[in-house]
Amino acid sequence: MCIRDRNKGLHIKVLEMEEQLAEARKLQEQIKSESGQQKDEVGKLLSKNTVVETYASDLQRKMDVLTLELREKTQELEQLKTTDWTKRLLERNSQIESLRDQLLEQEKNYSDLKAQLTAAAQMSGGNRKHFETFVEEQSKELLKARKIVRVA
């Protein structure tokens, strides 16, 4: 009976060990499954991290550009604050007056030239069309000069 009891005891231990082995295999499969899921999750997180890093570096570049622009605009504003506007306005008015005087002189020259050309055309009896074209070109140049003075 002793052998039978011993066999029974061994048999029970073998069954217990098989159960433990089955549980260990089940646990191993569960760990493998969880490990695969965690690897997938890590891959997703790494992808998200790359996107966030790219976005952050783009934002940093934009921030650097905007900071530089702000610094430049601030310097311009400081220069504008210290500008003697009365002096600049008087200088501009002086330039405008000078341009107006030049324009008046050009208009006078144009009128004199037109009168001379008309007289020459009448005296010479030459090609009137040629003289008219020349006068029209001079007139266009005068209009351009007027526009320049108005813009200034």
C-alpha atoms as a PDB file:
ATOM      1  CA  MET A   1       0.000   0.000   0.000  1.00  0.00           C
ATOM      2  CA  CYS A   2       2.819   2.190   0.475  1.00  0.00           C
ATOM      3  CA  ILE A   3       3.731   2.173  -3.213  1.00  0.00           C
ATOM      4  CA  ARG A   4       0.176   2.863  -4.148  1.00  0.00           C
ATOM      5  CA  ASP A   5      -0.033   5.785  -1.752  1.00  0.00           C
ATOM      6  CA  ARG A   6       3.264   6.983  -3.012  1.00  0.00           C
ATOM      7  CA  ASN A   7       2.105   6.656  -6.639  1.00  0.00           C
ATOM      8  CA  LYS A   8      -1.066   8.455  -5.736  1.00  0.00           C
ATOM      9  CA  GLY A   9       0.943  11.223  -4.092  1.00  0.00           C
ATOM     10  CA  LEU A  10       3.234  11.461  -7.113  1.00  0.00           C
ATOM     11  CA  HIS A  11       0.285  11.406  -9.422  1.00  0.00           C
ATOM     12  CA  ILE A  12      -1.293  14.277  -7.494  1.00  0.00           C
ATOM     13  CA  LYS A  13       1.993  16.210  -7.622  1.00  0.00           C
ATOM     14  CA  VAL A  14       2.267  15.586 -11.383  1.00  0.00           C
ATOM     15  CA  LEU A  15      -1.298  16.840 -11.865  1.00  0.00           C
ATOM     16  CA  GLU A  16      -0.545  19.909  -9.773  1.00  0.00           C
ATOM     17  CA  MET A  17       2.632  20.560 -11.736  1.00  0.00           C
ATOM     18  CA  GLU A  18       0.754  20.151 -15.038  1.00  0.00           C
ATOM     19  CA  GLU A  19      -1.812  22.655 -13.798  1.00  0.00           C
ATOM     20  CA  GLN A  20       0.979  25.033 -12.825  1.00  0.00           C
ATOM     21  CA  LEU A  21       2.626  24.478 -16.210  1.00  0.00           C
ATOM     22  CA  ALA A  22      -0.684  25.145 -18.002  1.00  0.00           C
ATOM     23  CA  GLU A  23      -1.155  28.299 -15.941  1.00  0.00           C
ATOM     24  CA  ALA A  24       2.425  29.350 -16.678  1.00  0.00           C
ATOM     25  CA  ARG A  25       1.874  28.835 -20.431  1.00  0.00           C
ATOM     26  CA  LYS A  26      -1.399  30.736 -20.240  1.00  0.00           C
ATOM     27  CA  LEU A  27       0.372  33.550 -18.375  1.00  0.00           C
ATOM     28  CA  GLN A  28       3.184  33.459 -20.954  1.00  0.00           C
ATOM     29  CA  GLU A  29       0.669  33.827 -23.820  1.00  0.00           C
ATOM     30  CA  GLN A  30      -1.053  36.648 -21.985  1.00  0.00           C
ATOM     31  CA  ILE A  31       2.280  38.412 -21.454  1.00  0.00           C
ATOM     32  CA  LYS A  32       3.165  37.951 -25.162  1.00  0.00           C
ATOM     33  CA  SER A  33      -0.196  39.431 -26.146  1.00  0.00           C
ATOM     34  CA  GLU A  34       0.202  42.369 -23.783  1.00  0.00           C
ATOM     35  CA  SER A  35       3.775  42.839 -24.986  1.00  0.00           C
ATOM     36  CA  GLY A  36       2.581  43.028 -28.606  1.00  0.00           C
ATOM     37  CA  GLN A  37      -0.084  45.545 -27.658  1.00  0.00           C
ATOM     38  CA  GLN A  38       2.454  47.608 -25.762  1.00  0.00           C
ATOM     39  CA  LYS A  39       4.849  47.511 -28.753  1.00  0.00           C
ATOM     40  CA  ASP A  40       2.017  48.765 -30.968  1.00  0.00           C
ATOM     41  CA  GLU A  41       1.234  51.492 -28.455  1.00  0.00           C
ATOM     42  CA  VAL A  42       4.909  52.494 -28.251  1.00  0.00           C
ATOM     43  CA  GLY A  43       5.030  52.680 -32.069  1.00  0.00           C
ATOM     44  CA  LYS A  44       1.981  54.929 -32.110  1.00  0.00           C
ATOM     45  CA  LEU A  45       3.431  57.122 -29.379  1.00  0.00           C
ATOM     46  CA  LEU A  46       6.744  57.412 -31.269  1.00  0.00           C
ATOM     47  CA  SER A  47       4.854  58.464 -34.406  1.00  0.00           C
ATOM     48  CA  LYS A  48       2.906  61.042 -32.437  1.00  0.00           C
ATOM     49  CA  ASN A  49       6.135  62.237 -30.836  1.00  0.00           C
ATOM     50  CA  THR A  50       7.713  62.751 -34.272  1.00  0.00           C
ATOM     51  CA  VAL A  51       4.710  64.755 -35.452  1.00  0.00           C
ATOM     52  CA  VAL A  52       4.710  66.867 -32.292  1.00  0.00           C
ATOM     53  CA  GLU A  53       8.478  67.498 -32.573  1.00  0.00           C
ATOM     54  CA  THR A  54       8.075  68.597 -36.201  1.00  0.00           C
ATOM     55  CA  TYR A  55       5.195  70.880 -35.281  1.00  0.00           C
ATOM     56  CA  ALA A  56       7.138  72.316 -32.351  1.00  0.00           C
ATOM     57  CA  SER A  57      10.214  73.011 -34.499  1.00  0.00           C
ATOM     58  CA  ASP A  58       8.014  74.732 -37.119  1.00  0.00           C
ATOM     59  CA  LEU A  59       6.432  76.839 -34.384  1.00  0.00           C
ATOM     60  CA  GLN A  60       9.882  77.699 -33.040  1.00  0.00           C
ATOM     61  CA  ARG A  61      11.046  78.830 -36.495  1.00  0.00           C
ATOM     62  CA  LYS A  62       7.916  80.965 -36.887  1.00  0.00           C
ATOM     63  CA  MET A  63       8.439  82.389 -33.412  1.00  0.00           C
ATOM     64  CA  ASP A  64      12.048  83.275 -34.264  1.00  0.00           C
ATOM     65  CA  VAL A  65      10.945  85.041 -37.458  1.00  0.00           C
ATOM     66  CA  LEU A  66       8.192  86.933 -35.631  1.00  0.00           C
ATOM     67  CA  THR A  67      10.590  87.902 -32.841  1.00  0.00           C
ATOM     68  CA  LEU A  68      13.043  89.283 -35.401  1.00  0.00           C
ATOM     69  CA  GLU A  69      10.258  91.183 -37.186  1.00  0.00           C
ATOM     70  CA  LEU A  70       9.051  92.590 -33.866  1.00  0.00           C
ATOM     71  CA  ARG A  71      12.567  93.735 -33.029  1.00  0.00           C
ATOM     72  CA  GLU A  72      12.902  95.438 -36.448  1.00  0.00           C
ATOM     73  CA  LYS A  73       9.477  97.105 -36.137  1.00  0.00           C
ATOM     74  CA  THR A  74      10.336  98.296 -32.642  1.00  0.00           C
ATOM     75  CA  GLN A  75      13.551  99.855 -33.951  1.00  0.00           C
ATOM     76  CA  GLU A  76      11.649 101.530 -36.788  1.00  0.00           C
ATOM     77  CA  LEU A  77       9.111 102.864 -34.304  1.00  0.00           C
ATOM     78  CA  GLU A  78      11.887 104.285 -32.128  1.00  0.00           C
ATOM     79  CA  GLN A  79      13.403 105.963 -35.180  1.00  0.00           C
ATOM     80  CA  LEU A  80      10.015 107.409 -36.107  1.00  0.00           C
ATOM     81  CA  LYS A  81       9.585 108.726 -32.571  1.00  0.00           C
ATOM     82  CA  THR A  82      12.885 110.588 -32.769  1.00  0.00           C
ATOM     83  CA  THR A  83      12.342 111.951 -36.285  1.00  0.00           C
ATOM     84  CA  ASP A  84      11.987 115.714 -36.649  1.00  0.00           C
ATOM     85  CA  TRP A  85       8.763 115.667 -38.656  1.00  0.00           C
ATOM     86  CA  THR A  86       8.627 119.410 -39.111  1.00  0.00           C
ATOM     87  CA  LYS A  87      12.066 119.406 -40.690  1.00  0.00           C
ATOM     88  CA  ARG A  88      11.203 116.450 -42.953  1.00  0.00           C
ATOM     89  CA  LEU A  89       7.921 118.080 -43.966  1.00  0.00           C
ATOM     90  CA  LEU A  90       9.695 121.319 -44.843  1.00  0.00           C
ATOM     91  CA  GLU A  91      12.270 119.379 -46.868  1.00  0.00           C
ATOM     92  CA  ARG A  92       9.529 117.553 -48.767  1.00  0.00           C
ATOM     93  CA  ASN A  93       7.628 120.772 -49.391  1.00  0.00           C
ATOM     94  CA  SER A  94      10.826 122.328 -50.700  1.00  0.00           C
ATOM     95  CA  GLN A  95      11.340 119.362 -53.040  1.00  0.00           C
ATOM     96  CA  ILE A  96       7.720 119.617 -54.232  1.00  0.00           C
ATOM     97  CA  GLU A  97       8.095 123.318 -54.920  1.00  0.00           C
ATOM     98  CA  SER A  98      11.304 122.669 -56.826  1.00  0.00           C
ATOM     99  CA  LEU A  99       9.590 120.009 -58.924  1.00  0.00           C
ATOM    100  CA  ARG A 100       6.655 122.322 -59.581  1.00  0.00           C
ATOM    101  CA  ASP A 101       9.042 125.044 -60.726  1.00  0.00           C
ATOM    102  CA  GLN A 102      10.736 122.533 -63.017  1.00  0.00           C
ATOM    103  CA  LEU A 103       7.366 121.494 -64.379  1.00  0.00           C
ATOM    104  CA  LEU A 104       6.344 125.078 -65.054  1.00  0.00           C
ATOM    105  CA  GLU A 105       9.639 125.638 -66.816  1.00  0.00           C
ATOM    106  CA  GLN A 106       9.078 122.483 -68.890  1.00  0.00           C
ATOM    107  CA  GLU A 107       5.558 123.630 -69.750  1.00  0.00           C
ATOM    108  CA  LYS A 108       6.924 127.012 -70.842  1.00  0.00           C
ATOM    109  CA  ASN A 109       9.622 125.313 -72.917  1.00  0.00           C
ATOM    110  CA  TYR A 110       6.986 123.023 -74.364  1.00  0.00           C
ATOM    111  CA  SER A 111       4.731 125.928 -75.304  1.00  0.00           C
ATOM    112  CA  ASP A 112       7.665 127.782 -76.871  1.00  0.00           C
ATOM    113  CA  LEU A 113       8.744 124.676 -78.755  1.00  0.00           C
ATOM    114  CA  LYS A 114       5.219 124.019 -79.946  1.00  0.00           C
ATOM    115  CA  ALA A 115       4.902 127.559 -81.188  1.00  0.00           C
ATOM    116  CA  GLN A 116       8.262 127.307 -82.959  1.00  0.00           C
ATOM    117  CA  LEU A 117       7.355 123.992 -84.529  1.00  0.00           C
ATOM    118  CA  THR A 118       4.000 125.275 -85.665  1.00  0.00           C
ATOM    119  CA  ALA A 119       5.669 128.316 -87.174  1.00  0.00           C
ATOM    120  CA  ALA A 120       8.329 126.172 -88.824  1.00  0.00           C
ATOM    121  CA  ALA A 121       5.700 123.811 -90.201  1.00  0.00           C
ATOM    122  CA  GLN A 122       3.714 126.695 -91.642  1.00  0.00           C
ATOM    123  CA  MET A 123       6.781 128.338 -93.150  1.00  0.00           C
ATOM    124  CA  SER A 124       8.341 125.225 -94.575  1.00  0.00           C
ATOM    125  CA  GLY A 125       5.174 123.692 -95.882  1.00  0.00           C
ATOM    126  CA  GLY A 126       6.759 120.363 -94.938  1.00  0.00           C
ATOM    127  CA  ASN A 127       5.176 117.210 -93.664  1.00  0.00           C
ATOM    128  CA  ARG A 128       2.610 118.434 -91.133  1.00  0.00           C
ATOM    129  CA  LYS A 129       1.928 114.909 -89.851  1.00  0.00           C
ATOM    130  CA  HIS A 130       5.547 114.546 -88.754  1.00  0.00           C
ATOM    131  CA  PHE A 131       5.335 117.732 -86.693  1.00  0.00           C
ATOM    132  CA  GLU A 132       2.004 116.734 -85.136  1.00  0.00           C
ATOM    133  CA  THR A 133       3.443 113.384 -84.050  1.00  0.00           C
ATOM    134  CA  PHE A 134       6.437 115.115 -82.501  1.00  0.00           C
ATOM    135  CA  VAL A 135       4.177 117.538 -80.616  1.00  0.00           C
ATOM    136  CA  GLU A 136       2.023 114.672 -79.334  1.00  0.00           C
ATOM    137  CA  GLU A 137       5.103 112.855 -78.013  1.00  0.00           C
ATOM    138  CA  GLN A 138       6.223 115.998 -76.223  1.00  0.00           C
ATOM    139  CA  SER A 139       2.742 116.337 -74.756  1.00  0.00           C
ATOM    140  CA  LYS A 140       2.905 112.764 -73.403  1.00  0.00           C
ATOM    141  CA  GLU A 141       6.255 113.483 -71.752  1.00  0.00           C
ATOM    142  CA  LEU A 142       4.785 116.573 -70.129  1.00  0.00           C
ATOM    143  CA  LEU A 143       1.880 114.519 -68.734  1.00  0.00           C
ATOM    144  CA  LYS A 144       4.356 111.999 -67.304  1.00  0.00           C
ATOM    145  CA  ALA A 145       6.257 114.824 -65.600  1.00  0.00           C
ATOM    146  CA  ARG A 146       3.001 116.152 -64.088  1.00  0.00           C
ATOM    147  CA  LYS A 147       2.170 112.710 -62.695  1.00  0.00           C
ATOM    148  CA  ILE A 148       5.613 112.467 -61.094  1.00  0.00           C
ATOM    149  CA  VAL A 149       5.147 115.852 -59.422  1.00  0.00           C
ATOM    150  CA  ARG A 150       1.676 114.892 -58.154  1.00  0.00           C
ATOM    151  CA  VAL A 151       3.019 111.670 -56.636  1.00  0.00           C
ATOM    152  CA  ALA A 152       5.820 113.514 -54.879  1.00  0.00           C
END
